[in-house]
């Protein structure tokens, strides 16, 4: 029984050793140039329900409603082994995941 426990422990340690750690980073953009949408046509980037709710509550449609620029996202993803996790139109940024093995030593 003791040898079974030792082998199981060694197996678990080896699995944990092979598990790759990922780091998540928030990248915020300074503008929304090249997003491909115009404020004059909100139906192209907002749902009908959202537009009606804004009209009923007298909320103006502004630049925070525009999606994150696809060209900016593509530029970030082209930089290396980066995985897209989430984007926020209101905060104008994205969350990406980077494997620990691909980070420079100074960032670990």
Protein backbone atom coordinates (compact mmCIF):
# COMPACT_ATOMS: atom_id res chain seq x y z
CA UNK A 1 0.00 0.00 0.00
CA UNK A 2 2.87 2.35 0.83
CA UNK A 3 4.45 1.89 -2.60
CA UNK A 4 1.09 2.60 -4.26
CA UNK A 5 0.82 5.90 -2.37
CA UNK A 6 4.39 6.86 -3.31
CA UNK A 7 3.80 6.06 -6.99
CA UNK A 8 0.54 8.01 -6.98
CA UNK A 9 2.28 10.99 -5.39
CA UNK A 10 5.09 10.86 -7.96
CA UNK A 11 2.53 10.67 -10.76
CA UNK A 12 0.65 13.71 -9.43
CA UNK A 13 3.87 15.70 -9.06
CA UNK A 14 4.87 14.88 -12.64
CA UNK A 15 1.48 16.05 -13.94
CA UNK A 16 1.70 19.32 -12.03
CA UNK A 17 5.24 19.81 -13.35
CA UNK A 18 4.02 19.51 -16.94
CA UNK A 19 1.10 21.87 -16.46
CA UNK A 20 1.88 25.11 -18.21
CA UNK A 21 1.09 28.34 -16.42
CA UNK A 22 -0.48 31.16 -18.39
CA UNK A 23 -0.46 34.83 -17.53
CA UNK A 24 -3.36 37.14 -18.35
CA UNK A 25 -2.86 40.78 -19.29
CA UNK A 26 -5.23 43.66 -19.87
CA UNK A 27 -4.35 45.82 -22.88
CA UNK A 28 -6.15 49.15 -23.14
CA UNK A 29 -6.23 51.09 -26.39
CA UNK A 30 -6.15 54.88 -26.63
CA UNK A 31 -8.74 55.24 -29.40
CA UNK A 32 -11.14 53.30 -31.61
CA UNK A 33 -9.77 54.23 -35.03
CA UNK A 34 -10.39 51.57 -37.64
CA UNK A 35 -13.19 49.83 -35.77
CA UNK A 36 -15.24 49.81 -38.99
CA UNK A 37 -18.42 51.32 -37.52
CA UNK A 38 -19.95 54.79 -37.44
CA UNK A 39 -21.98 56.41 -34.66
CA UNK A 40 -24.51 57.46 -37.29
CA UNK A 41 -25.43 53.78 -37.86
CA UNK A 42 -25.78 52.24 -34.38
CA UNK A 43 -27.89 49.34 -35.68
CA UNK A 44 -24.71 47.89 -37.19
CA UNK A 45 -23.05 47.40 -33.78
CA UNK A 46 -25.87 47.55 -31.19
CA UNK A 47 -28.93 45.33 -30.84
CA UNK A 48 -32.42 46.72 -31.44
CA UNK A 49 -33.19 46.15 -27.78
CA UNK A 50 -30.15 48.19 -26.72
CA UNK A 51 -31.06 51.06 -29.04
CA UNK A 52 -34.67 51.12 -27.77
CA UNK A 53 -33.51 51.05 -24.14
CA UNK A 54 -31.22 54.00 -24.79
CA UNK A 55 -34.02 55.93 -26.50
CA UNK A 56 -36.43 55.25 -23.62
CA UNK A 57 -33.88 56.36 -21.02
CA UNK A 58 -32.56 59.32 -23.07
CA UNK A 59 -29.03 57.92 -23.23
CA UNK A 60 -26.99 59.16 -26.17
CA UNK A 61 -24.96 56.74 -28.25
CA UNK A 62 -21.30 57.73 -28.06
CA UNK A 63 -17.83 56.40 -28.82
CA UNK A 64 -17.84 54.05 -25.82
CA UNK A 65 -20.54 52.06 -27.60
CA UNK A 66 -18.29 51.36 -30.59
CA UNK A 67 -16.58 47.95 -30.61
CA UNK A 68 -12.85 47.58 -30.01
CA UNK A 69 -10.88 48.14 -33.20
CA UNK A 70 -10.39 44.80 -34.97
CA UNK A 71 -7.14 46.04 -36.48
CA UNK A 72 -5.74 46.74 -33.00
CA UNK A 73 -6.76 43.29 -31.78
CA UNK A 74 -5.20 41.67 -34.86
CA UNK A 75 -1.96 43.60 -34.28
CA UNK A 76 -1.74 42.36 -30.70
CA UNK A 77 -2.47 38.76 -31.68
CA UNK A 78 0.17 38.92 -34.43
CA UNK A 79 2.88 39.76 -31.89
CA UNK A 80 3.37 36.16 -30.83
CA UNK A 81 1.81 33.28 -28.96
CA UNK A 82 -1.03 35.32 -27.50
CA UNK A 83 -4.59 34.05 -27.00
CA UNK A 84 -7.58 36.41 -27.02
CA UNK A 85 -9.71 35.96 -23.89
CA UNK A 86 -12.13 38.90 -23.74
CA UNK A 87 -12.80 42.33 -25.17
CA UNK A 88 -14.59 45.31 -23.63
CA UNK A 89 -16.05 48.03 -25.82
CA UNK A 90 -16.72 50.31 -22.85
CA UNK A 91 -13.20 50.06 -21.46
CA UNK A 92 -11.71 49.93 -24.99
CA UNK A 93 -9.39 47.03 -24.37
CA UNK A 94 -8.82 43.30 -24.44
CA UNK A 95 -7.60 40.57 -22.10
CA UNK A 96 -5.01 38.19 -23.53
CA UNK A 97 -3.31 35.07 -22.23
CA UNK A 98 0.40 34.38 -22.71
CA UNK A 99 2.09 31.08 -21.82
CA UNK A 100 4.73 31.45 -19.09
CA UNK A 101 7.31 29.78 -21.32
CA UNK A 102 7.02 32.64 -23.81
CA UNK A 103 7.47 35.50 -21.36
CA UNK A 104 10.81 37.25 -21.07
CA UNK A 105 12.56 36.41 -17.78
CA UNK A 106 12.20 39.99 -16.56
CA UNK A 107 8.38 39.69 -16.63
CA UNK A 108 8.07 36.41 -14.74
